[in-house]
Amino acid sequence: MPDWLTKDFGWKLFSVILAVVIWLTVRNFYEEPQRPGGTSSSIVTYENLPVYIVSTAADVRDFRVAPKAVSVTVHGPSDVMAVLQANQIRATVDLTDLDPKELRHHVDISTPPGVTLDSVEPSKVSVIIPPPSH
């Protein structure tokens, strides 16, 4: 073996090990932090979620909305999204302060903890107010 390779071999080996340790430390320090729980994120879209109407108890009119269902896209940790079911996501239209001139209302989406709303289509629905009964 050449003398330049075997001379001070212990120091050379120590230097290589130290360089690898420094590289691993710096690489881990600059990596993108993971989400809480250390899991990856998943995105799921639920089609045809029914839109529920919220109104005051005194208002007994038979409101309807069009369309009757929405498409909701949510994201969250993979372990949470793996067990998430469509019935855990609720789409509502709040008509407690109903303005008869306002024909379109915003759809509110409620999700379980750890699940974040990405989008809802359509974001507004038309409210159909029945004629007063005589």
Protein backbone atom coordinates (compact mmCIF):
# COMPACT_ATOMS: atom_id res chain seq x y z
CA MET A 1 0.00 0.00 0.00
CA PRO A 2 1.19 3.52 -0.70
CA ASP A 3 2.68 5.37 2.24
CA TRP A 4 0.32 8.36 1.88
CA LEU A 5 -2.67 6.05 2.48
CA THR A 6 -1.36 4.16 5.49
CA LYS A 7 0.47 7.00 7.23
CA ASP A 8 -1.66 8.36 10.12
CA PHE A 9 -4.51 6.01 9.18
CA GLY A 10 -6.19 6.43 12.60
CA TRP A 11 -6.40 10.20 12.18
CA LYS A 12 -7.74 9.84 8.65
CA LEU A 13 -10.43 7.39 9.78
CA PHE A 14 -11.37 9.68 12.68
CA SER A 15 -11.66 12.65 10.28
CA VAL A 16 -13.97 10.74 7.93
CA ILE A 17 -16.21 9.63 10.82
CA LEU A 18 -16.31 13.17 12.23
CA ALA A 19 -17.21 14.56 8.78
CA VAL A 20 -20.10 12.07 8.44
CA VAL A 21 -21.42 12.97 11.91
CA ILE A 22 -21.30 16.70 11.11
CA TRP A 23 -23.01 16.14 7.74
CA LEU A 24 -25.83 14.09 9.35
CA THR A 25 -26.33 16.72 12.05
CA VAL A 26 -26.54 19.60 9.57
CA ARG A 27 -28.79 17.63 7.21
CA ASN A 28 -31.26 16.81 10.01
CA PHE A 29 -31.19 20.41 11.21
CA TYR A 30 -32.13 21.80 7.79
CA GLU A 31 -34.74 19.18 6.83
CA GLU A 32 -38.33 20.36 6.55
CA PRO A 33 -40.04 19.77 9.90
CA GLN A 34 -42.70 17.08 9.97
CA ARG A 35 -46.30 17.67 10.92
CA PRO A 36 -47.33 17.01 14.51
CA GLY A 37 -47.33 13.32 15.23
CA GLY A 38 -44.61 12.72 12.66
CA THR A 39 -47.02 11.44 10.03
CA SER A 40 -47.51 12.51 6.47
CA SER A 41 -50.56 14.40 5.27
CA SER A 42 -53.39 13.09 3.08
CA ILE A 43 -56.00 14.92 1.01
CA VAL A 44 -59.49 13.46 0.57
CA THR A 45 -62.52 14.74 -1.37
CA TYR A 46 -66.04 13.77 -0.35
CA GLU A 47 -68.71 14.14 -3.02
CA ASN A 48 -72.45 14.66 -2.46
CA LEU A 49 -72.37 15.71 1.19
CA PRO A 50 -75.89 16.85 2.12
CA VAL A 51 -76.37 20.50 3.08
CA TYR A 52 -78.28 20.90 6.35
CA ILE A 53 -80.31 24.02 7.14
CA VAL A 54 -79.99 25.77 10.50
CA SER A 55 -82.83 28.10 11.46
CA THR A 56 -84.48 29.37 14.62
CA ALA A 57 -86.88 27.09 16.48
CA ALA A 58 -89.66 29.63 15.97
CA ASP A 59 -89.23 29.56 12.18
CA VAL A 60 -91.14 26.50 10.98
CA ARG A 61 -91.01 27.23 7.25
CA ASP A 62 -89.85 24.41 5.02
CA PHE A 63 -86.66 25.94 3.58
CA ARG A 64 -84.84 24.22 0.75
CA VAL A 65 -81.42 24.77 -0.78
CA ALA A 66 -80.13 24.23 -4.30
CA PRO A 67 -77.98 22.34 -4.81
CA LYS A 68 -78.82 19.93 -1.99
CA ALA A 69 -75.27 18.54 -1.78
CA VAL A 70 -71.70 19.86 -1.96
CA SER A 71 -68.24 18.47 -2.63
CA VAL A 72 -65.73 18.97 0.22
CA THR A 73 -61.94 18.56 0.07
CA VAL A 74 -60.10 18.20 3.39
CA HIS A 75 -56.59 17.31 4.51
CA GLY A 76 -54.94 16.06 7.66
CA PRO A 77 -52.50 13.51 9.08
CA SER A 78 -52.66 10.18 7.26
CA ASP A 79 -53.65 8.26 10.39
CA VAL A 80 -56.62 10.61 11.00
CA MET A 81 -57.67 10.64 7.35
CA ALA A 82 -57.57 6.82 7.15
CA VAL A 83 -60.46 6.55 9.64
CA LEU A 84 -62.36 9.70 8.63
CA GLN A 85 -65.88 9.07 7.33
CA ALA A 86 -68.09 11.36 5.29
CA ASN A 87 -70.69 11.60 8.07
CA GLN A 88 -68.07 13.27 10.31
CA ILE A 89 -68.02 16.30 8.00
CA ARG A 90 -71.09 18.52 8.19
CA ALA A 91 -72.19 21.13 5.65
CA THR A 92 -74.70 23.69 6.97
CA VAL A 93 -76.39 26.91 5.87
CA ASP A 94 -77.25 29.29 8.71
CA LEU A 95 -80.65 30.93 8.16
CA THR A 96 -81.16 32.23 11.72
CA ASP A 97 -80.84 35.85 10.50
CA LEU A 98 -82.52 35.30 7.16
CA ASP A 99 -82.68 38.28 4.82
CA PRO A 100 -85.35 37.55 2.17
CA LYS A 101 -83.40 39.69 -0.32
CA GLU A 102 -80.29 37.52 0.03
CA LEU A 103 -80.79 34.61 -2.36
CA ARG A 104 -77.41 32.90 -1.93
CA HIS A 105 -75.88 31.86 1.38
CA HIS A 106 -72.43 30.67 2.38
CA VAL A 107 -72.00 26.95 3.18
CA ASP A 108 -70.29 26.38 6.55
CA ILE A 109 -68.25 23.20 6.95
CA SER A 110 -67.44 21.61 10.30
CA THR A 111 -64.69 19.00 10.53
CA PRO A 112 -63.33 16.81 13.33
CA PRO A 113 -60.14 17.84 15.19
CA GLY A 114 -56.99 17.44 13.10
CA VAL A 115 -58.86 17.78 9.80
CA THR A 116 -58.54 21.01 7.82
CA LEU A 117 -60.92 22.25 5.14
CA ASP A 118 -59.31 22.88 1.74
CA SER A 119 -62.32 23.71 -0.42
CA VAL A 120 -66.06 23.37 -0.81
CA GLU A 121 -67.88 23.35 -4.16
CA PRO A 122 -70.13 25.21 -4.48
CA SER A 123 -69.25 27.58 -1.65
CA LYS A 124 -72.70 29.22 -1.77
CA VAL A 125 -76.14 27.72 -2.28
CA SER A 126 -79.47 29.25 -3.22
CA VAL A 127 -82.12 29.31 -0.54
CA ILE A 128 -85.66 28.57 -1.65
CA ILE A 129 -88.17 30.24 0.66
CA PRO A 130 -91.62 28.65 0.54
CA PRO A 131 -94.61 30.93 0.05
CA PRO A 132 -96.50 31.75 3.25
CA SER A 133 -99.37 29.39 4.00
CA HIS A 134 -102.85 30.80 4.39
